[in-house]
Amino acid sequence: MGFKPIYNMNGVRSPVMKEFDIADATAISMYELVRVTDGKVVAGGTDYTTPYAGVTMESKAANDGKTRIIVACSPFQVFEVDPVATTVSASASATVWTDTVKLLNTTSDIANGGYLVIKEKAASATGTFQVGDKISITDSATNTLTGTFAGNTTVGDKGLLFPPIGNLGVTASATNALTLVWAATSGTALQCVGHDFKRNKIHVMIKLHEFSN
């Protein structure tokens, strides 16, 4: 899905859009985080300290003849994006959700105040928590989230990670800037500003923006 514009913090509902130059050889998806480098739109990448310009409002194939592309570029723009999906992949616990594949953040406490929403229970699940339950994260460290589960977690249980408001320990995917991955650092060019638990979406803003001061 990518980073879909939903509203501006300044009250404007429609995204502020501007057309920029783009190299004909560049391929970009719709709603992909991008930067403007040497006057042209390029993919956003995964850098934690280099600002973004916004997200594309159209897609472009490489060498399709297009040399201009529309970008939602307001520093006040809020986007919605899918949360990080994570699976219990270690021993059962009544307090700790462990995932050594997805929860790679090495900064302690970065997810404190966020939530884990139960997405799916393993066939052999022993916990009495239910799909859709919202677990408050009280502590976090490398590969782990701490909360209170009704019964033990089970290998294969799946959850959705909602970072705390005002923080975001994730960055754009290395494959493309359309999805989030849990970061290996606390630095990030994105910031969480809201949760939509009904639709399972995270609301984010660009924390480091090329057109803001």
N, C-alpha and C. Protein backbone atom coordinates (compact mmCIF):
# COMPACT_ATOMS: atom_id res chain seq x y z
N MET A 1 0.82 -1.21 0.00
CA MET A 1 0.00 0.00 0.00
C MET A 1 0.84 1.25 0.00
N GLY A 2 1.93 1.29 0.79
CA GLY A 2 2.76 2.47 0.86
C GLY A 2 2.28 3.47 1.89
N PHE A 3 2.73 4.72 1.75
CA PHE A 3 2.41 5.80 2.67
C PHE A 3 1.35 6.69 2.02
N LYS A 4 0.09 6.43 2.35
CA LYS A 4 -1.03 7.12 1.71
C LYS A 4 -1.36 8.40 2.46
N PRO A 5 -1.36 9.58 1.80
CA PRO A 5 -1.74 10.83 2.46
C PRO A 5 -3.18 10.78 2.94
N ILE A 6 -3.41 11.23 4.19
CA ILE A 6 -4.79 11.24 4.70
C ILE A 6 -5.23 12.62 5.18
N TYR A 7 -4.34 13.42 5.74
CA TYR A 7 -4.68 14.80 6.11
C TYR A 7 -3.40 15.55 6.45
N ASN A 8 -3.54 16.89 6.55
CA ASN A 8 -2.44 17.74 6.96
C ASN A 8 -2.65 18.20 8.39
N MET A 9 -1.58 18.35 9.14
CA MET A 9 -1.69 18.88 10.50
C MET A 9 -2.16 20.33 10.50
N ASN A 10 -2.04 21.01 9.36
CA ASN A 10 -2.52 22.40 9.29
C ASN A 10 -4.00 22.49 8.98
N GLY A 11 -4.68 21.33 8.92
CA GLY A 11 -6.13 21.32 8.73
C GLY A 11 -6.59 21.07 7.31
N VAL A 12 -5.69 21.08 6.35
CA VAL A 12 -6.04 20.85 4.96
C VAL A 12 -6.26 19.36 4.73
N ARG A 13 -7.37 18.97 4.12
CA ARG A 13 -7.65 17.56 3.89
C ARG A 13 -6.92 17.04 2.65
N SER A 14 -6.88 17.83 1.60
CA SER A 14 -6.24 17.38 0.37
C SER A 14 -4.73 17.55 0.48
N PRO A 15 -3.96 16.60 -0.04
CA PRO A 15 -2.50 16.73 0.03
C PRO A 15 -1.99 17.89 -0.82
N VAL A 16 -0.96 18.55 -0.36
CA VAL A 16 -0.30 19.59 -1.13
C VAL A 16 0.64 18.90 -2.12
N MET A 17 0.38 19.06 -3.42
CA MET A 17 1.13 18.32 -4.43
C MET A 17 1.91 19.26 -5.34
N LYS A 18 3.08 18.79 -5.77
CA LYS A 18 3.94 19.55 -6.65
C LYS A 18 4.61 18.60 -7.62
N GLU A 19 4.83 19.05 -8.85
CA GLU A 19 5.49 18.23 -9.86
C GLU A 19 6.99 18.47 -9.84
N PHE A 20 7.76 17.40 -9.86
CA PHE A 20 9.21 17.48 -9.82
C PHE A 20 9.80 16.71 -11.00
N ASP A 21 11.05 17.05 -11.33
CA ASP A 21 11.79 16.30 -12.34
C ASP A 21 12.16 14.92 -11.79
N ILE A 22 12.25 13.95 -12.70
CA ILE A 22 12.69 12.60 -12.33
C ILE A 22 13.43 12.01 -13.54
N ALA A 23 14.49 11.28 -13.31
CA ALA A 23 15.23 10.67 -14.40
C ALA A 23 14.37 9.60 -15.08
N ASP A 24 14.46 9.52 -16.40
CA ASP A 24 13.67 8.56 -17.14
C ASP A 24 13.96 7.12 -16.69
N ALA A 25 15.19 6.86 -16.26
CA ALA A 25 15.58 5.50 -15.87
C ALA A 25 15.09 5.11 -14.48
N THR A 26 14.53 6.06 -13.72
CA THR A 26 14.09 5.79 -12.35
C THR A 26 12.70 5.15 -12.33
N ALA A 27 12.58 4.07 -11.54
CA ALA A 27 11.28 3.42 -11.33
C ALA A 27 10.79 3.74 -9.92
N ILE A 28 9.54 4.17 -9.79
CA ILE A 28 8.97 4.58 -8.51
C ILE A 28 7.54 4.06 -8.43
N SER A 29 7.12 3.62 -7.25
CA SER A 29 5.74 3.20 -7.04
C SER A 29 4.92 4.35 -6.47
N MET A 30 3.60 4.25 -6.59
CA MET A 30 2.72 5.24 -5.98
C MET A 30 2.77 5.11 -4.46
N TYR A 31 2.74 6.23 -3.76
CA TYR A 31 2.80 6.32 -2.30
C TYR A 31 4.15 5.86 -1.75
N GLU A 32 5.20 6.03 -2.53
CA GLU A 32 6.54 5.67 -2.07
C GLU A 32 7.26 6.90 -1.53
N LEU A 33 7.94 6.76 -0.39
CA LEU A 33 8.74 7.85 0.16
C LEU A 33 9.89 8.18 -0.79
N VAL A 34 10.08 9.48 -1.04
CA VAL A 34 11.13 9.89 -1.98
C VAL A 34 11.88 11.11 -1.44
N ARG A 35 13.01 11.37 -2.09
CA ARG A 35 13.81 12.57 -1.83
C ARG A 35 14.03 13.29 -3.15
N VAL A 36 14.45 14.55 -3.06
CA VAL A 36 14.88 15.29 -4.25
C VAL A 36 16.38 15.48 -4.13
N THR A 37 17.12 14.83 -5.02
CA THR A 37 18.57 14.88 -5.01
C THR A 37 19.08 15.37 -6.36
N ASP A 38 19.93 16.40 -6.34
CA ASP A 38 20.42 17.02 -7.57
C ASP A 38 19.27 17.42 -8.48
N GLY A 39 18.19 17.91 -7.84
CA GLY A 39 17.06 18.42 -8.59
C GLY A 39 16.08 17.39 -9.10
N LYS A 40 16.33 16.10 -8.82
CA LYS A 40 15.45 15.05 -9.33
C LYS A 40 14.96 14.14 -8.20
N VAL A 41 13.75 13.62 -8.37
CA VAL A 41 13.17 12.68 -7.40
C VAL A 41 13.91 11.35 -7.47
N VAL A 42 14.27 10.84 -6.29
CA VAL A 42 14.90 9.52 -6.19
C VAL A 42 14.22 8.76 -5.07
N ALA A 43 14.38 7.44 -5.05
CA ALA A 43 13.79 6.61 -4.00
C ALA A 43 14.30 7.04 -2.64
N GLY A 44 13.44 6.89 -1.62
CA GLY A 44 13.77 7.39 -0.29
C GLY A 44 14.90 6.67 0.40
N GLY A 45 15.01 5.35 0.21
CA GLY A 45 16.07 4.61 0.87
C GLY A 45 15.80 4.43 2.35
N THR A 46 16.83 4.05 3.10
CA THR A 46 16.65 3.69 4.51
C THR A 46 17.51 4.52 5.45
N ASP A 47 18.02 5.63 4.98
CA ASP A 47 18.88 6.47 5.82
C ASP A 47 18.07 7.06 6.97
N TYR A 48 18.67 7.13 8.16
CA TYR A 48 17.95 7.63 9.34
C TYR A 48 18.09 9.14 9.52
N THR A 49 19.02 9.76 8.83
CA THR A 49 19.31 11.16 9.10
C THR A 49 19.12 12.07 7.90
N THR A 50 18.91 11.54 6.70
CA THR A 50 18.70 12.35 5.51
C THR A 50 17.20 12.60 5.32
N PRO A 51 16.78 13.85 5.14
CA PRO A 51 15.35 14.16 5.06
C PRO A 51 14.67 13.58 3.82
N TYR A 52 13.36 13.37 3.93
CA TYR A 52 12.52 13.00 2.80
C TYR A 52 11.84 14.25 2.26
N ALA A 53 11.35 14.18 1.00
CA ALA A 53 10.60 15.29 0.41
C ALA A 53 9.10 15.04 0.45
N GLY A 54 8.70 13.77 0.51
CA GLY A 54 7.28 13.44 0.51
C GLY A 54 7.06 12.07 -0.09
N VAL A 55 5.85 11.84 -0.63
CA VAL A 55 5.54 10.56 -1.27
C VAL A 55 4.98 10.82 -2.66
N THR A 56 5.22 9.88 -3.55
CA THR A 56 4.73 10.00 -4.92
C THR A 56 3.22 9.77 -4.99
N MET A 57 2.56 10.50 -5.87
CA MET A 57 1.12 10.37 -6.06
C MET A 57 0.80 9.64 -7.36
N GLU A 58 1.81 9.06 -7.96
CA GLU A 58 1.65 8.26 -9.17
C GLU A 58 2.86 7.33 -9.27
N SER A 59 2.72 6.30 -10.08
CA SER A 59 3.83 5.37 -10.27
C SER A 59 4.54 5.67 -11.58
N LYS A 60 5.76 5.15 -11.69
CA LYS A 60 6.55 5.36 -12.91
C LYS A 60 7.42 4.14 -13.16
N ALA A 61 7.38 3.62 -14.38
CA ALA A 61 8.26 2.52 -14.77
C ALA A 61 9.57 3.08 -15.31
N ALA A 62 10.63 2.32 -15.17
CA ALA A 62 11.92 2.75 -15.69
C ALA A 62 11.88 2.87 -17.21
N ASN A 63 12.46 3.95 -17.71
CA ASN A 63 12.59 4.17 -19.16
C ASN A 63 11.25 4.19 -19.89
N ASP A 64 10.26 4.81 -19.22
CA ASP A 64 8.94 4.91 -19.85
C ASP A 64 8.74 6.26 -20.55
N GLY A 65 9.77 7.09 -20.55
CA GLY A 65 9.69 8.39 -21.21
C GLY A 65 9.23 9.52 -20.31
N LYS A 66 8.75 9.22 -19.11
CA LYS A 66 8.29 10.26 -18.19
C LYS A 66 9.49 10.89 -17.47
N THR A 67 9.51 12.21 -17.42
CA THR A 67 10.59 12.92 -16.74
C THR A 67 10.07 13.88 -15.67
N ARG A 68 8.77 13.78 -15.37
CA ARG A 68 8.17 14.58 -14.29
C ARG A 68 7.26 13.66 -13.48
N ILE A 69 7.15 13.94 -12.17
CA ILE A 69 6.31 13.11 -11.32
C ILE A 69 5.72 13.96 -10.21
N ILE A 70 4.48 13.66 -9.79
CA ILE A 70 3.78 14.43 -8.77
C ILE A 70 4.09 13.85 -7.39
N VAL A 71 4.42 14.75 -6.45
CA VAL A 71 4.78 14.35 -5.09
C VAL A 71 3.94 15.14 -4.09
N ALA A 72 3.37 14.45 -3.08
CA ALA A 72 2.74 15.13 -1.95
C ALA A 72 3.87 15.55 -1.04
N CYS A 73 4.10 16.87 -0.94
CA CYS A 73 5.36 17.34 -0.38
C CYS A 73 5.22 18.28 0.81
N SER A 74 4.06 18.37 1.43
CA SER A 74 3.90 19.26 2.57
C SER A 74 4.61 18.71 3.81
N PRO A 75 5.37 19.56 4.52
CA PRO A 75 5.99 19.12 5.78
C PRO A 75 4.97 18.75 6.86
N PHE A 76 3.70 19.15 6.67
CA PHE A 76 2.65 18.90 7.66
C PHE A 76 1.78 17.70 7.30
N GLN A 77 2.14 17.01 6.21
CA GLN A 77 1.31 15.90 5.73
C GLN A 77 1.38 14.70 6.67
N VAL A 78 0.21 14.11 6.92
CA VAL A 78 0.12 12.87 7.70
C VAL A 78 -0.22 11.73 6.73
N PHE A 79 0.46 10.62 6.88
CA PHE A 79 0.27 9.45 6.02
C PHE A 79 -0.19 8.27 6.86
N GLU A 80 -0.90 7.35 6.24
CA GLU A 80 -1.22 6.10 6.91
C GLU A 80 -0.43 4.97 6.25
N VAL A 81 0.02 4.03 7.08
CA VAL A 81 0.85 2.93 6.60
C VAL A 81 0.55 1.71 7.45
N ASP A 82 0.79 0.54 6.90
CA ASP A 82 0.55 -0.69 7.65
C ASP A 82 1.54 -0.82 8.81
N PRO A 83 1.11 -1.37 9.96
CA PRO A 83 2.03 -1.61 11.07
C PRO A 83 2.99 -2.75 10.75
N VAL A 84 3.99 -2.91 11.59
CA VAL A 84 4.94 -3.99 11.42
C VAL A 84 4.31 -5.29 11.92
N ALA A 85 4.24 -6.31 11.05
CA ALA A 85 3.70 -7.61 11.45
C ALA A 85 4.82 -8.43 12.08
N THR A 86 4.51 -9.06 13.20
CA THR A 86 5.54 -9.80 13.94
C THR A 86 4.96 -11.11 14.46
N THR A 87 5.78 -12.12 14.55
CA THR A 87 5.35 -13.46 14.95
C THR A 87 6.16 -13.94 16.14
N VAL A 88 5.50 -14.55 17.12
CA VAL A 88 6.22 -15.17 18.22
C VAL A 88 7.04 -16.33 17.66
N SER A 89 8.34 -16.28 17.86
CA SER A 89 9.20 -17.31 17.29
C SER A 89 10.13 -17.91 18.34
N ALA A 90 9.76 -17.77 19.60
CA ALA A 90 10.57 -18.32 20.69
C ALA A 90 9.65 -19.01 21.68
N SER A 91 10.18 -19.34 22.84
CA SER A 91 9.41 -20.09 23.83
C SER A 91 8.24 -19.28 24.36
N ALA A 92 7.23 -20.01 24.84
CA ALA A 92 6.01 -19.38 25.34
C ALA A 92 6.30 -18.52 26.56
N SER A 93 5.49 -17.46 26.72
CA SER A 93 5.65 -16.57 27.86
C SER A 93 4.33 -15.86 28.13
N ALA A 94 4.10 -15.52 29.39
CA ALA A 94 2.91 -14.76 29.75
C ALA A 94 3.17 -13.26 29.76
N THR A 95 4.42 -12.87 29.53
CA THR A 95 4.76 -11.45 29.62
C THR A 95 5.61 -10.93 28.47
N VAL A 96 6.29 -11.79 27.73
CA VAL A 96 7.24 -11.33 26.72
C VAL A 96 6.89 -11.89 25.34
N TRP A 97 6.79 -10.99 24.36
CA TRP A 97 6.58 -11.36 22.97
C TRP A 97 7.94 -11.28 22.28
N THR A 98 8.41 -12.39 21.73
CA THR A 98 9.76 -12.46 21.18
C THR A 98 9.74 -12.74 19.68
N ASP A 99 10.49 -11.95 18.93
CA ASP A 99 10.63 -12.18 17.50
C ASP A 99 12.04 -11.75 17.09
N THR A 100 12.89 -12.70 16.82
CA THR A 100 14.29 -12.38 16.49
C THR A 100 14.46 -11.97 15.02
N VAL A 101 13.39 -12.05 14.24
CA VAL A 101 13.46 -11.66 12.84
C VAL A 101 13.01 -10.21 12.63
N LYS A 102 11.89 -9.85 13.24
CA LYS A 102 11.31 -8.52 13.00
C LYS A 102 11.67 -7.49 14.05
N LEU A 103 11.85 -7.88 15.31
CA LEU A 103 12.09 -6.92 16.38
C LEU A 103 13.59 -6.71 16.57
N LEU A 104 14.19 -6.00 15.62
CA LEU A 104 15.65 -5.88 15.60
C LEU A 104 16.16 -4.61 16.26
N ASN A 105 15.29 -3.81 16.84
CA ASN A 105 15.74 -2.56 17.43
C ASN A 105 16.64 -2.82 18.63
N THR A 106 17.80 -2.21 18.63
CA THR A 106 18.77 -2.45 19.71
C THR A 106 18.72 -1.38 20.79
N THR A 107 17.80 -0.45 20.67
CA THR A 107 17.67 0.60 21.67
C THR A 107 16.57 0.22 22.67
N SER A 108 16.93 0.08 23.93
CA SER A 108 15.94 -0.31 24.94
C SER A 108 14.86 0.76 25.07
N ASP A 109 13.65 0.32 25.34
CA ASP A 109 12.51 1.17 25.68
C ASP A 109 11.93 1.97 24.51
N ILE A 110 12.40 1.73 23.29
CA ILE A 110 11.92 2.55 22.17
C ILE A 110 10.44 2.31 21.86
N ALA A 111 9.91 1.11 22.21
CA ALA A 111 8.50 0.82 21.93
C ALA A 111 7.61 1.00 23.15
N ASN A 112 8.16 1.43 24.28
CA ASN A 112 7.35 1.62 25.49
C ASN A 112 6.22 2.61 25.22
N GLY A 113 5.01 2.23 25.61
CA GLY A 113 3.85 3.09 25.38
C GLY A 113 3.11 2.76 24.10
N GLY A 114 3.66 1.85 23.30
CA GLY A 114 2.98 1.41 22.10
C GLY A 114 2.06 0.23 22.38
N TYR A 115 1.58 -0.41 21.32
CA TYR A 115 0.64 -1.53 21.48
C TYR A 115 0.99 -2.67 20.52
N LEU A 116 0.66 -3.86 20.95
CA LEU A 116 0.71 -5.03 20.10
C LEU A 116 -0.72 -5.53 19.95
N VAL A 117 -1.24 -5.55 18.74
CA VAL A 117 -2.60 -6.03 18.48
C VAL A 117 -2.52 -7.45 17.94
N ILE A 118 -3.22 -8.37 18.59
CA ILE A 118 -3.18 -9.77 18.19
C ILE A 118 -3.86 -9.92 16.82
N LYS A 119 -3.10 -10.45 15.85
CA LYS A 119 -3.60 -10.64 14.49
C LYS A 119 -4.09 -12.06 14.25
N GLU A 120 -3.36 -13.03 14.80
CA GLU A 120 -3.68 -14.42 14.53
C GLU A 120 -3.08 -15.29 15.63
N LYS A 121 -3.80 -16.33 16.01
CA LYS A 121 -3.28 -17.28 17.01
C LYS A 121 -2.86 -18.56 16.32
N ALA A 122 -1.74 -19.12 16.80
CA ALA A 122 -1.26 -20.38 16.24
C ALA A 122 -2.27 -21.49 16.48
N ALA A 123 -2.21 -22.53 15.64
CA ALA A 123 -3.13 -23.66 15.78
C ALA A 123 -3.02 -24.32 17.15
N SER A 124 -1.81 -24.27 17.72
CA SER A 124 -1.57 -24.90 19.02
C SER A 124 -1.58 -23.88 20.16
N ALA A 125 -2.18 -22.70 19.92
CA ALA A 125 -2.15 -21.62 20.91
C ALA A 125 -2.73 -22.05 22.26
N THR A 126 -2.03 -21.65 23.33
CA THR A 126 -2.50 -21.95 24.68
C THR A 126 -3.03 -20.71 25.40
N GLY A 127 -2.69 -19.54 24.89
CA GLY A 127 -3.15 -18.31 25.52
C GLY A 127 -4.63 -18.10 25.34
N THR A 128 -5.24 -17.42 26.28
CA THR A 128 -6.67 -17.14 26.20
C THR A 128 -6.96 -15.74 25.67
N PHE A 129 -5.90 -15.01 25.28
CA PHE A 129 -6.12 -13.73 24.64
C PHE A 129 -6.75 -13.98 23.27
N GLN A 130 -7.44 -12.96 22.72
CA GLN A 130 -8.22 -13.13 21.51
C GLN A 130 -7.68 -12.29 20.36
N VAL A 131 -7.97 -12.71 19.15
CA VAL A 131 -7.62 -11.91 17.98
C VAL A 131 -8.29 -10.54 18.11
N GLY A 132 -7.50 -9.50 17.90
CA GLY A 132 -8.00 -8.13 18.05
C GLY A 132 -7.68 -7.52 19.39
N ASP A 133 -7.27 -8.33 20.37
CA ASP A 133 -6.88 -7.78 21.68
C ASP A 133 -5.70 -6.83 21.52
N LYS A 134 -5.74 -5.75 22.28
CA LYS A 134 -4.70 -4.71 22.24
C LYS A 134 -3.87 -4.81 23.51
N ILE A 135 -2.61 -5.19 23.37
CA ILE A 135 -1.71 -5.39 24.50
C ILE A 135 -0.83 -4.16 24.68
N SER A 136 -0.85 -3.55 25.83
CA SER A 136 -0.02 -2.38 26.12
C SER A 136 1.43 -2.82 26.30
N ILE A 137 2.35 -2.16 25.62
CA ILE A 137 3.77 -2.47 25.73
C ILE A 137 4.38 -1.64 26.86
N THR A 138 4.85 -2.32 27.88
CA THR A 138 5.41 -1.62 29.05
C THR A 138 6.93 -1.59 29.05
N ASP A 139 7.54 -2.43 28.24
CA ASP A 139 9.01 -2.46 28.16
C ASP A 139 9.40 -3.08 26.83
N SER A 140 10.56 -2.71 26.32
CA SER A 140 11.02 -3.28 25.05
C SER A 140 12.54 -3.28 25.02
N ALA A 141 13.08 -4.25 24.32
CA ALA A 141 14.52 -4.37 24.16
C ALA A 141 14.77 -5.12 22.87
N THR A 142 16.01 -5.47 22.59
CA THR A 142 16.32 -6.19 21.37
C THR A 142 15.49 -7.46 21.25
N ASN A 143 14.69 -7.57 20.20
CA ASN A 143 13.91 -8.76 19.86
C ASN A 143 12.71 -9.02 20.77
N THR A 144 12.43 -8.15 21.73
CA THR A 144 11.35 -8.46 22.68
C THR A 144 10.46 -7.26 22.97
N LEU A 145 9.18 -7.58 23.25
CA LEU A 145 8.20 -6.61 23.75
C LEU A 145 7.60 -7.20 25.01
N THR A 146 7.44 -6.38 26.04
CA THR A 146 6.88 -6.85 27.30
C THR A 146 5.48 -6.30 27.49
N GLY A 147 4.55 -7.20 27.81
CA GLY A 147 3.17 -6.82 28.09
C GLY A 147 2.54 -7.88 28.97
N THR A 148 1.24 -7.83 29.14
CA THR A 148 0.53 -8.83 29.94
C THR A 148 -0.43 -9.59 29.04
N PHE A 149 -0.16 -10.88 28.83
CA PHE A 149 -0.97 -11.71 27.97
C PHE A 149 -1.85 -12.64 28.81
N ALA A 150 -3.06 -12.88 28.35
CA ALA A 150 -3.97 -13.80 29.05
C ALA A 150 -3.56 -15.22 28.71
N GLY A 151 -2.72 -15.80 29.51
CA GLY A 151 -2.14 -17.10 29.19
C GLY A 151 -0.85 -16.92 28.43
N ASN A 152 -0.18 -17.98 28.14
CA ASN A 152 1.11 -17.90 27.47
C ASN A 152 0.96 -17.65 25.97
N THR A 153 1.96 -16.94 25.41
CA THR A 153 2.07 -16.86 23.96
C THR A 153 2.51 -18.23 23.44
N THR A 154 2.33 -18.44 22.16
CA THR A 154 2.68 -19.71 21.54
C THR A 154 3.46 -19.43 20.26
N VAL A 155 4.46 -20.25 19.98
CA VAL A 155 5.21 -20.10 18.73
C VAL A 155 4.23 -20.13 17.56
N GLY A 156 4.27 -19.10 16.73
CA GLY A 156 3.35 -18.99 15.60
C GLY A 156 2.25 -17.97 15.80
N ASP A 157 2.04 -17.47 17.03
CA ASP A 157 1.10 -16.36 17.24
C ASP A 157 1.59 -15.15 16.45
N LYS A 158 0.66 -14.37 15.91
CA LYS A 158 1.03 -13.20 15.12
C LYS A 158 0.40 -11.94 15.70
N GLY A 159 1.16 -10.84 15.64
CA GLY A 159 0.68 -9.56 16.13
C GLY A 159 1.07 -8.42 15.22
N LEU A 160 0.46 -7.27 15.44
CA LEU A 160 0.78 -6.05 14.70
C LEU A 160 1.34 -5.03 15.69
N LEU A 161 2.51 -4.48 15.38
CA LEU A 161 3.18 -3.55 16.28
C LEU A 161 2.82 -2.11 15.96
N PHE A 162 2.24 -1.42 16.95
CA PHE A 162 1.90 0.00 16.85
C PHE A 162 2.86 0.78 17.75
N PRO A 163 3.82 1.51 17.20
CA PRO A 163 4.77 2.26 18.02
C PRO A 163 4.07 3.34 18.84
N PRO A 164 4.69 3.83 19.89
CA PRO A 164 4.08 4.87 20.71
C PRO A 164 3.94 6.19 19.94
N ILE A 165 2.90 6.95 20.29
CA ILE A 165 2.73 8.28 19.70
C ILE A 165 3.95 9.14 20.05
N GLY A 166 4.44 9.86 19.07
CA GLY A 166 5.59 10.74 19.29
C GLY A 166 6.92 10.06 19.04
N ASN A 167 6.87 8.78 18.70
CA ASN A 167 8.11 8.06 18.44
C ASN A 167 7.85 7.05 17.33
N LEU A 168 8.89 6.57 16.72
CA LEU A 168 8.76 5.54 15.71
C LEU A 168 10.09 4.87 15.53
N GLY A 169 10.24 3.69 16.11
CA GLY A 169 11.49 2.97 16.02
C GLY A 169 11.56 2.12 14.77
N VAL A 170 11.02 2.62 13.67
CA VAL A 170 11.04 1.88 12.42
C VAL A 170 11.49 2.81 11.30
N THR A 171 11.85 2.23 10.18
CA THR A 171 12.23 3.01 9.01
C THR A 171 11.62 2.36 7.77
N ALA A 172 11.85 2.97 6.62
CA ALA A 172 11.30 2.41 5.39
C ALA A 172 12.06 1.14 5.01
N SER A 173 11.37 0.26 4.31
CA SER A 173 11.96 -1.00 3.91
C SER A 173 13.15 -0.79 2.99
N ALA A 174 14.14 -1.67 3.09
CA ALA A 174 15.31 -1.61 2.23
C ALA A 174 14.96 -2.00 0.80
N THR A 175 13.89 -2.78 0.64
CA THR A 175 13.46 -3.20 -0.69
C THR A 175 12.86 -2.03 -1.45
N ASN A 176 12.00 -1.30 -0.79
CA ASN A 176 11.45 -0.06 -1.33
C ASN A 176 10.87 0.72 -0.16
N ALA A 177 10.60 1.99 -0.38
CA ALA A 177 10.10 2.83 0.70
C ALA A 177 8.58 2.83 0.73
N LEU A 178 8.00 1.61 0.74
CA LEU A 178 6.55 1.45 0.76
C LEU A 178 6.05 0.84 2.06
N THR A 179 6.93 0.18 2.78
CA THR A 179 6.55 -0.49 4.02
C THR A 179 7.54 -0.13 5.12
N LEU A 180 7.15 -0.49 6.35
CA LEU A 180 7.99 -0.22 7.50
C LEU A 180 8.71 -1.48 7.94
N VAL A 181 9.91 -1.30 8.47
CA VAL A 181 10.64 -2.37 9.12
C VAL A 181 11.14 -1.84 10.46
N TRP A 182 11.25 -2.73 11.44
CA TRP A 182 11.76 -2.33 12.75
C TRP A 182 13.23 -2.00 12.62
N ALA A 183 13.63 -0.82 13.05
CA ALA A 183 14.98 -0.33 12.80
C ALA A 183 15.99 -0.86 13.80
N ALA A 184 17.25 -0.80 13.43
CA ALA A 184 18.34 -1.22 14.32
C ALA A 184 18.94 -0.02 15.02
N THR A 185 18.22 1.05 15.09
CA THR A 185 18.69 2.28 15.72
C THR A 185 17.48 3.09 16.17
N SER A 186 17.69 4.02 17.07
CA SER A 186 16.58 4.88 17.50
C SER A 186 16.39 6.07 16.57
N GLY A 187 17.37 6.35 15.71
CA GLY A 187 17.26 7.46 14.78
C GLY A 187 16.31 7.13 13.66
N THR A 188 15.48 8.06 13.26
CA THR A 188 14.54 7.81 12.18
C THR A 188 14.08 9.12 11.58
N ALA A 189 13.75 9.09 10.30
CA ALA A 189 13.24 10.28 9.63
C ALA A 189 11.72 10.32 9.67
N LEU A 190 11.09 9.36 10.35
CA LEU A 190 9.64 9.28 10.46
C LEU A 190 9.22 9.37 11.92
N GLN A 191 7.95 9.77 12.13
CA GLN A 191 7.44 9.89 13.49
C GLN A 191 5.98 9.47 13.54
N CYS A 192 5.61 8.69 14.56
CA CYS A 192 4.22 8.25 14.72
C CYS A 192 3.39 9.36 15.35
N VAL A 193 2.24 9.67 14.73
CA VAL A 193 1.36 10.72 15.27
C VAL A 193 -0.04 10.19 15.57
N GLY A 194 -0.30 8.91 15.28
CA GLY A 194 -1.64 8.40 15.57
C GLY A 194 -1.77 6.92 15.24
N HIS A 195 -2.85 6.31 15.78
CA HIS A 195 -3.17 4.91 15.54
C HIS A 195 -4.60 4.81 15.04
N ASP A 196 -4.84 3.92 14.09
CA ASP A 196 -6.19 3.60 13.66
C ASP A 196 -6.36 2.10 13.88
N PHE A 197 -6.85 1.73 15.06
CA PHE A 197 -6.97 0.32 15.42
C PHE A 197 -8.11 -0.37 14.68
N LYS A 198 -9.11 0.38 14.24
CA LYS A 198 -10.21 -0.22 13.51
C LYS A 198 -9.75 -0.73 12.15
N ARG A 199 -8.85 0.01 11.52
CA ARG A 199 -8.37 -0.37 10.18
C ARG A 199 -6.95 -0.91 10.22
N ASN A 200 -6.36 -0.99 11.42
CA ASN A 200 -4.98 -1.46 11.59
C ASN A 200 -4.00 -0.67 10.73
N LYS A 201 -3.98 0.65 10.96
CA LYS A 201 -3.06 1.55 10.27
C LYS A 201 -2.33 2.42 11.29
N ILE A 202 -1.10 2.78 10.96
CA ILE A 202 -0.33 3.75 11.75
C ILE A 202 -0.34 5.07 11.01
N HIS A 203 -0.49 6.18 11.73
CA HIS A 203 -0.39 7.51 11.13
C HIS A 203 1.01 8.05 11.42
N VAL A 204 1.70 8.47 10.37
CA VAL A 204 3.06 8.96 10.52
C VAL A 204 3.24 10.29 9.80
N MET A 205 4.23 11.04 10.24
CA MET A 205 4.69 12.24 9.55
C MET A 205 6.17 12.07 9.25
N ILE A 206 6.64 12.87 8.29
CA ILE A 206 8.07 12.90 8.02
C ILE A 206 8.72 13.81 9.05
N LYS A 207 9.51 13.22 9.91
CA LYS A 207 10.16 13.98 10.99
C LYS A 207 11.28 14.86 10.44
N LEU A 208 12.02 14.36 9.47
CA LEU A 208 13.07 15.11 8.80
C LEU A 208 12.61 15.37 7.37
N HIS A 209 12.21 16.62 7.11
CA HIS A 209 11.62 16.97 5.83
C HIS A 209 12.52 17.96 5.08
N GLU A 210 12.68 17.74 3.78
CA GLU A 210 13.57 18.58 2.98
C GLU A 210 13.09 20.03 2.87
N PHE A 211 11.78 20.24 3.02
CA PHE A 211 11.23 21.58 2.81
C PHE A 211 10.79 22.26 4.10
N SER A 212 11.23 21.74 5.23
CA SER A 212 10.92 22.39 6.51
C SER A 212 12.21 22.89 7.12
N ASN A 213 12.06 23.73 8.17
CA ASN A 213 13.27 24.27 8.79
C ASN A 213 13.51 23.60 10.14
